[in-house]
C-alpha atoms as a PDB file:
ATOM      1  CA  MET A   1      21.073 -15.673  10.561  1.00  0.00           C
ATOM      2  CA  VAL A   2      19.407 -16.315   7.213  1.00  0.00           C
ATOM      3  CA  ILE A   3      16.803 -13.992   6.029  1.00  0.00           C
ATOM      4  CA  HIS A   4      14.407 -15.324   3.618  1.00  0.00           C
ATOM      5  CA  PRO A   5      10.903 -13.688   3.598  1.00  0.00           C
ATOM      6  CA  GLN A   6       8.230 -16.346   2.359  1.00  0.00           C
ATOM      7  CA  ARG A   7       5.306 -13.963   2.698  1.00  0.00           C
ATOM      8  CA  ILE A   8       5.384 -10.255   1.834  1.00  0.00           C
ATOM      9  CA  LEU A   9       2.676  -8.023   2.675  1.00  0.00           C
ATOM     10  CA  TRP A  10       1.946  -4.784   0.647  1.00  0.00           C
ATOM     11  CA  PRO A  11      -1.038  -2.681   1.672  1.00  0.00           C
ATOM     12  CA  THR A  12      -2.207  -0.084  -1.234  1.00  0.00           C
ATOM     13  CA  ASP A  13      -4.318   2.878  -1.024  1.00  0.00           C
ATOM     14  CA  PHE A  14      -4.141   2.985  -4.786  1.00  0.00           C
ATOM     15  CA  SER A  15      -1.881   5.969  -4.723  1.00  0.00           C
ATOM     16  CA  THR A  16       1.087   6.760  -6.994  1.00  0.00           C
ATOM     17  CA  LEU A  17       3.217   6.711  -3.790  1.00  0.00           C
ATOM     18  CA  SER A  18       1.724   3.245  -2.664  1.00  0.00           C
ATOM     19  CA  SER A  19       2.674   1.877  -6.124  1.00  0.00           C
ATOM     20  CA  LEU A  20       6.330   2.430  -5.434  1.00  0.00           C
ATOM     21  CA  GLY A  21       5.905  -0.288  -2.695  1.00  0.00           C
ATOM     22  CA  ALA A  22       4.785  -2.723  -5.288  1.00  0.00           C
ATOM     23  CA  ARG A  23       8.104  -2.357  -7.203  1.00  0.00           C
ATOM     24  CA  TYR A  24      10.012  -3.312  -3.943  1.00  0.00           C
ATOM     25  CA  ALA A  25       7.505  -6.167  -3.286  1.00  0.00           C
ATOM     26  CA  GLN A  26       7.844  -7.471  -6.864  1.00  0.00           C
ATOM     27  CA  ALA A  27      11.569  -7.402  -6.726  1.00  0.00           C
ATOM     28  CA  ILE A  28      11.887  -9.119  -3.191  1.00  0.00           C
ATOM     29  CA  ARG A  29       9.137 -11.473  -4.479  1.00  0.00           C
ATOM     30  CA  GLN A  30      11.431 -12.530  -7.604  1.00  0.00           C
ATOM     31  CA  VAL A  31      14.662 -12.971  -5.478  1.00  0.00           C
ATOM     32  CA  PHE A  32      13.107 -14.915  -2.725  1.00  0.00           C
ATOM     33  CA  LYS A  33      10.239 -16.867  -4.765  1.00  0.00           C
ATOM     34  CA  SER A  34       8.017 -15.290  -1.896  1.00  0.00           C
ATOM     35  CA  GLU A  35       4.151 -15.289  -1.737  1.00  0.00           C
ATOM     36  CA  VAL A  36       2.753 -11.707  -2.063  1.00  0.00           C
ATOM     37  CA  HIS A  37      -0.318 -10.391  -0.288  1.00  0.00           C
ATOM     38  CA  VAL A  38      -1.923  -7.213  -1.348  1.00  0.00           C
ATOM     39  CA  VAL A  39      -4.357  -5.651   0.766  1.00  0.00           C
ATOM     40  CA  HIS A  40      -6.450  -2.391   0.650  1.00  0.00           C
ATOM     41  CA  VAL A  41      -8.083  -1.190   3.870  1.00  0.00           C
ATOM     42  CA  PHE A  42     -11.379   0.333   3.266  1.00  0.00           C
ATOM     43  CA  THR A  43     -12.424   2.618   6.232  1.00  0.00           C
ATOM     44  CA  PRO A  44     -16.189   2.742   6.616  1.00  0.00           C
ATOM     45  CA  VAL A  45     -17.568   6.281   6.167  1.00  0.00           C
ATOM     46  CA  LEU A  46     -19.897   5.927   9.243  1.00  0.00           C
ATOM     47  CA  THR A  47     -18.455   4.439  12.282  1.00  0.00           C
ATOM     48  CA  ALA A  48     -20.461   3.680  15.351  1.00  0.00           C
ATOM     49  CA  ASP A  49     -19.315   6.832  16.998  1.00  0.00           C
ATOM     50  CA  ILE A  50     -20.413   9.204  13.847  1.00  0.00           C
ATOM     51  CA  ALA A  51     -23.698   7.347  13.387  1.00  0.00           C
ATOM     52  CA  THR A  52     -24.951   7.620  17.005  1.00  0.00           C
ATOM     53  CA  SER A  53     -24.188  11.319  16.872  1.00  0.00           C
ATOM     54  CA  LEU A  54     -26.306  12.084  13.654  1.00  0.00           C
ATOM     55  CA  PRO A  55     -29.848  13.278  13.858  1.00  0.00           C
ATOM     56  CA  ALA A  56     -32.526  10.651  13.320  1.00  0.00           C
ATOM     57  CA  GLY A  57     -33.619  12.466  10.137  1.00  0.00           C
ATOM     58  CA  VAL A  58     -30.228  12.459   8.355  1.00  0.00           C
ATOM     59  CA  PRO A  59     -30.358  10.134   5.329  1.00  0.00           C
ATOM     60  CA  VAL A  60     -27.489   7.931   4.592  1.00  0.00           C
ATOM     61  CA  THR A  61     -27.205   7.907   0.972  1.00  0.00           C
ATOM     62  CA  TYR A  62     -24.063   5.717   0.104  1.00  0.00           C
ATOM     63  CA  ASP A  63     -24.158   1.899  -0.330  1.00  0.00           C
ATOM     64  CA  GLU A  64     -21.025   0.412   1.576  1.00  0.00           C
ATOM     65  CA  THR A  65     -21.315  -2.821  -0.092  1.00  0.00           C
ATOM     66  CA  GLU A  66     -20.941  -1.162  -3.595  1.00  0.00           C
ATOM     67  CA  LEU A  67     -17.863   0.754  -2.538  1.00  0.00           C
ATOM     68  CA  ILE A  68     -16.240  -2.369  -1.318  1.00  0.00           C
ATOM     69  CA  GLU A  69     -16.970  -4.225  -4.464  1.00  0.00           C
ATOM     70  CA  LEU A  70     -15.362  -1.255  -6.470  1.00  0.00           C
ATOM     71  CA  CYS A  71     -12.458  -1.506  -4.142  1.00  0.00           C
ATOM     72  CA  ARG A  72     -12.195  -5.260  -5.016  1.00  0.00           C
ATOM     73  CA  GLU A  73     -12.245  -4.475  -8.755  1.00  0.00           C
ATOM     74  CA  ARG A  74      -9.663  -2.033  -8.425  1.00  0.00           C
ATOM     75  CA  LEU A  75      -7.486  -4.270  -6.205  1.00  0.00           C
ATOM     76  CA  ARG A  76      -7.555  -7.076  -8.963  1.00  0.00           C
ATOM     77  CA  ALA A  77      -6.531  -4.687 -11.584  1.00  0.00           C
ATOM     78  CA  VAL A  78      -3.540  -3.402  -9.558  1.00  0.00           C
ATOM     79  CA  VAL A  79      -2.504  -6.991  -8.752  1.00  0.00           C
ATOM     80  CA  GLN A  80      -2.447  -7.873 -12.430  1.00  0.00           C
ATOM     81  CA  GLU A  81      -0.848  -4.576 -13.334  1.00  0.00           C
ATOM     82  CA  GLN A  82       2.042  -4.762 -10.687  1.00  0.00           C
ATOM     83  CA  PHE A  83       2.631  -8.533 -10.513  1.00  0.00           C
ATOM     84  CA  GLN A  84       3.049 -10.855 -13.573  1.00  0.00           C
ATOM     85  CA  PRO A  85       2.413 -13.744 -13.198  1.00  0.00           C
ATOM     86  CA  ALA A  86       0.068 -13.318 -10.318  1.00  0.00           C
ATOM     87  CA  ASP A  87      -0.514 -16.920  -9.296  1.00  0.00           C
ATOM     88  CA  ASP A  88       1.093 -16.513  -6.066  1.00  0.00           C
ATOM     89  CA  VAL A  89      -0.513 -13.152  -5.232  1.00  0.00           C
ATOM     90  CA  ARG A  90      -3.368 -13.063  -2.640  1.00  0.00           C
ATOM     91  CA  SER A  91      -5.474  -9.955  -2.444  1.00  0.00           C
ATOM     92  CA  GLU A  92      -8.033  -8.799   0.129  1.00  0.00           C
ATOM     93  CA  VAL A  93     -10.164  -5.725   0.850  1.00  0.00           C
ATOM     94  CA  ILE A  94     -10.203  -5.359   4.711  1.00  0.00           C
ATOM     95  CA  LEU A  95     -12.812  -3.074   6.530  1.00  0.00           C
ATOM     96  CA  GLY A  96     -11.215  -1.084   9.503  1.00  0.00           C
ATOM     97  CA  GLN A  97      -8.537   1.410  10.644  1.00  0.00           C
ATOM     98  CA  PRO A  98      -5.702   1.125   8.226  1.00  0.00           C
ATOM     99  CA  TRP A  99      -2.552   0.696  10.485  1.00  0.00           C
ATOM    100  CA  SER A 100      -4.428  -1.701  12.947  1.00  0.00           C
ATOM    101  CA  SER A 101      -6.085  -3.805  10.257  1.00  0.00           C
ATOM    102  CA  ILE A 102      -2.690  -4.048   8.423  1.00  0.00           C
ATOM    103  CA  CYS A 103      -0.922  -5.216  11.597  1.00  0.00           C
ATOM    104  CA  ASP A 104      -3.776  -7.707  12.554  1.00  0.00           C
ATOM    105  CA  TYR A 105      -3.520  -9.179   9.013  1.00  0.00           C
ATOM    106  CA  ALA A 106       0.201  -9.382   9.142  1.00  0.00           C
ATOM    107  CA  ARG A 107      -0.272 -11.224  12.327  1.00  0.00           C
ATOM    108  CA  GLU A 108      -3.007 -13.687  11.287  1.00  0.00           C
ATOM    109  CA  GLN A 109      -1.357 -14.555   8.126  1.00  0.00           C
ATOM    110  CA  LYS A 110       2.209 -14.752   9.573  1.00  0.00           C
ATOM    111  CA  ILE A 111       3.620 -12.283   7.205  1.00  0.00           C
ATOM    112  CA  ASP A 112       7.568 -12.131   7.281  1.00  0.00           C
ATOM    113  CA  LEU A 113       8.078  -8.610   5.735  1.00  0.00           C
ATOM    114  CA  LEU A 114       5.696  -5.574   5.511  1.00  0.00           C
ATOM    115  CA  ILE A 115       6.200  -3.062   2.733  1.00  0.00           C
ATOM    116  CA  VAL A 116       4.660   0.304   3.353  1.00  0.00           C
ATOM    117  CA  PRO A 117       4.960   3.868   1.583  1.00  0.00           C
ATOM    118  CA  THR A 118       5.418   7.016   3.408  1.00  0.00           C
ATOM    119  CA  HIS A 119       4.738  10.565   2.433  1.00  0.00           C
ATOM    120  CA  GLY A 120       7.435  11.793   4.675  1.00  0.00           C
ATOM    121  CA  ARG A 121       5.418  14.505   6.280  1.00  0.00           C
ATOM    122  CA  THR A 122       7.081  16.482   8.972  1.00  0.00           C
ATOM    123  CA  GLY A 123       6.389  19.203  11.627  1.00  0.00           C
ATOM    124  CA  LEU A 124       2.776  20.171  12.259  1.00  0.00           C
ATOM    125  CA  THR A 125       1.224  18.179   9.381  1.00  0.00           C
ATOM    126  CA  ARG A 126       2.594  14.952  10.865  1.00  0.00           C
ATOM    127  CA  VAL A 127       1.205  15.779  14.345  1.00  0.00           C
ATOM    128  CA  LEU A 128      -2.094  16.672  13.057  1.00  0.00           C
ATOM    129  CA  ILE A 129      -2.644  14.039  10.401  1.00  0.00           C
ATOM    130  CA  GLY A 130      -0.427  11.283  12.016  1.00  0.00           C
ATOM    131  CA  SER A 131       1.490   8.724  10.166  1.00  0.00           C
ATOM    132  CA  THR A 132      -0.030   5.211   9.333  1.00  0.00           C
ATOM    133  CA  ALA A 133       3.428   4.158   8.174  1.00  0.00           C
ATOM    134  CA  ASP A 134       4.680   5.205  11.937  1.00  0.00           C
ATOM    135  CA  ARG A 135       1.907   3.385  13.519  1.00  0.00           C
ATOM    136  CA  ILE A 136       2.608   0.113  11.322  1.00  0.00           C
ATOM    137  CA  VAL A 137       6.217   0.185  12.328  1.00  0.00           C
ATOM    138  CA  GLN A 138       5.613   0.461  15.880  1.00  0.00           C
ATOM    139  CA  HIS A 139       2.880  -2.442  15.922  1.00  0.00           C
ATOM    140  CA  ALA A 140       3.788  -4.607  13.195  1.00  0.00           C
ATOM    141  CA  PRO A 141       4.667  -8.283  14.155  1.00  0.00           C
ATOM    142  CA  CYS A 142       7.397  -8.484  11.591  1.00  0.00           C
ATOM    143  CA  PRO A 143      10.175  -6.279  10.017  1.00  0.00           C
ATOM    144  CA  VAL A 144       8.830  -3.274   7.928  1.00  0.00           C
ATOM    145  CA  LEU A 145      10.456  -1.909   4.815  1.00  0.00           C
ATOM    146  CA  VAL A 146       9.309   1.791   4.784  1.00  0.00           C
ATOM    147  CA  VAL A 147       9.577   3.170   1.226  1.00  0.00           C
ATOM    148  CA  LYS A 148       9.568   6.969   0.430  1.00  0.00           C
ATOM    149  CA  GLN A 149       9.817   8.500  -2.923  1.00  0.00           C
ATOM    150  CA  SER A 150      13.133   9.818  -3.590  1.00  0.00           C
ATOM    151  CA  GLN A 151      14.677  12.074  -6.585  1.00  0.00           C
ATOM    152  CA  GLN A 152      15.821   9.023  -8.142  1.00  0.00           C
ATOM    153  CA  ASP A 153      12.266   7.432  -8.442  1.00  0.00           C
ATOM    154  CA  CYS A 154      11.141  10.714 -10.064  1.00  0.00           C
ATOM    155  CA  VAL A 155      13.841  10.424 -12.691  1.00  0.00           C
ATOM    156  CA  HIS A 156      13.501   6.760 -13.397  1.00  0.00           C
ATOM    157  CA  ASP A 157       9.831   5.572 -14.203  1.00  0.00           C
ATOM    158  CA  ASN A 158      11.016   1.858 -14.615  1.00  0.00           C
ATOM    159  CA  PRO A 159      14.402   1.258 -12.888  1.00  0.00           C
ATOM    160  CA  PRO A 160      16.271  -1.745 -13.961  1.00  0.00           C
ATOM    161  CA  VAL A 161      15.629  -4.790 -11.856  1.00  0.00           C
ATOM    162  CA  PRO A 162      18.931  -6.716 -11.026  1.00  0.00           C
ATOM    163  CA  ALA A 163      19.161 -10.033 -12.523  1.00  0.00           C
END
């Protein structure tokens, strides 16, 4: 069996941990000449459930369209920063629940490999907060590379990339 990922998906929440996943995406991209998809999932602040439970007189004072455009700008900057050249990198801001939106995107775009970070939470914190990475692994239509920060990552800001 030959493994040759043609399309890689790297979802980002713009965190430092998330950017570690970009290193893996870039390395795999270079080896296999893959197309990289970078997505950020924007979760609407007011879902239908919350909006219907608010009293009618409560003003909603944020502009979702403006927030989405800010996310798009940040995403473009991240792509330029992490992937040079960025010719074969597609980026998109998606509205929805992170784990399900990422899995849906992977399915629709026929992604071959998904690269996601994990905070490595355990115990009660994991039970209460849940794990987006776990849900992605359970529901993804393709293999998932789960990246967690190690001591080695803390020591080496720019580890050498194999030639």
